[in-house]
Structure formats: C-alpha cells, structure tokens
Amino acid sequence: MAAQGMKPYVKLASTLVLVGTGLFSLEQYGLGRLEGDAHPIHIDGTILSLMVLIPIGLVVAGALVFMWGKMRRL
C-alpha cells in the first residue's frame, strides 16, 4: 500500500497557522527594533490593532479549517 501524504485540509490549516505565527513574530521583532531609546515612534492604534488581529485571525482560521475538515472526513 502506498504511503499517503497529508490531506489537503491539513496542509491548508498548517499553512494558515504558520503564516499567522510568522506574521506575529515578525511584528514583534519589528516593533522591538522600532521601539529603541533613541527613536521612539508612535503608531496609530488602528494599525496596531490590525497588526495583532490579522495573525490571530489566521491562526483561528487554521483551527477552523482543521476542525471542519476533520468533521467532513468522519
């Protein structure tokens, strides 16, 4: 019997979660670099909210895709 690869919904879910966590890490790194003692920068609250909500939304979307795919396969 041939070895099967990952199911498509698992690939999509893992991609969404990885992109979400990657964006969050990149955002944390970028804000840490911008927030130095010599160069204080003020970022608008709307942009900061989006910078947090988009990665969280991608992780939640990945979890929902995985759950939906699991339920469809039962």
Protein backbone atom coordinates (compact mmCIF):
# COMPACT_ATOMS: atom_id res chain seq x y z
CA MET A 1 0.00 0.00 0.00
CA ALA A 2 1.39 3.40 -0.99
CA ALA A 3 2.13 5.95 1.70
CA GLN A 4 -0.36 8.78 1.71
CA GLY A 5 0.65 12.40 2.12
CA MET A 6 -1.05 14.98 4.25
CA LYS A 7 -4.68 15.65 3.50
CA PRO A 8 -5.42 18.97 1.73
CA TYR A 9 -7.30 20.47 4.67
CA VAL A 10 -4.38 19.69 6.99
CA LYS A 11 -1.98 21.41 4.57
CA LEU A 12 -4.21 24.49 4.39
CA ALA A 13 -4.70 24.61 8.15
CA SER A 14 -1.00 24.24 8.89
CA THR A 15 -0.14 26.91 6.30
CA LEU A 16 -2.60 29.37 7.84
CA VAL A 17 -1.27 28.74 11.34
CA LEU A 18 2.36 29.03 10.24
CA VAL A 19 1.72 32.28 8.35
CA GLY A 20 -0.18 33.68 11.34
CA THR A 21 2.55 32.84 13.84
CA GLY A 22 5.22 34.06 11.42
CA LEU A 23 3.47 37.40 10.98
CA PHE A 24 3.11 37.73 14.74
CA SER A 25 6.80 37.00 15.28
CA LEU A 26 7.78 39.43 12.53
CA GLU A 27 5.56 42.10 14.04
CA GLN A 28 7.08 41.59 17.49
CA TYR A 29 10.59 41.77 16.05
CA GLY A 30 9.81 44.91 14.06
CA LEU A 31 8.20 46.70 16.98
CA GLY A 32 11.14 45.78 19.18
CA ARG A 33 13.54 47.29 16.66
CA LEU A 34 11.45 50.46 16.22
CA GLU A 35 10.95 50.97 19.95
CA GLY A 36 14.51 51.97 20.81
CA ASP A 37 15.54 54.54 23.38
CA ALA A 38 16.85 56.94 20.76
CA HIS A 39 13.94 56.65 18.31
CA PRO A 40 10.52 56.48 19.99
CA ILE A 41 7.85 56.00 17.31
CA HIS A 42 4.11 56.42 17.72
CA ILE A 43 1.99 54.03 15.64
CA ASP A 44 -1.72 54.64 15.16
CA GLY A 45 -3.98 52.44 17.29
CA THR A 46 -5.86 51.13 14.25
CA ILE A 47 -2.65 49.85 12.67
CA LEU A 48 -1.55 48.27 15.94
CA SER A 49 -4.93 46.56 16.28
CA LEU A 50 -4.69 45.18 12.76
CA MET A 51 -1.13 44.01 13.39
CA VAL A 52 -2.44 41.90 16.26
CA LEU A 53 -5.82 40.83 14.87
CA ILE A 54 -4.66 39.60 11.47
CA PRO A 55 -2.21 36.97 12.81
CA ILE A 56 -4.73 35.85 15.42
CA GLY A 57 -7.38 35.61 12.71
CA LEU A 58 -5.10 33.45 10.57
CA VAL A 59 -4.44 31.07 13.47
CA VAL A 60 -8.15 30.85 14.26
CA ALA A 61 -8.94 30.29 10.57
CA GLY A 62 -6.38 27.46 10.51
CA ALA A 63 -8.01 25.85 13.53
CA LEU A 64 -11.47 26.18 11.97
CA VAL A 65 -10.29 24.68 8.67
CA PHE A 66 -8.77 21.76 10.53
CA MET A 67 -11.93 21.15 12.60
CA TRP A 68 -14.19 21.49 9.56
CA GLY A 69 -12.02 19.10 7.56
CA LYS A 70 -11.97 16.56 10.39
CA MET A 71 -15.75 16.67 10.73
CA ARG A 72 -16.26 16.27 6.98
CA ARG A 73 -14.00 13.19 6.95
CA LEU A 74 -15.91 11.34 9.71
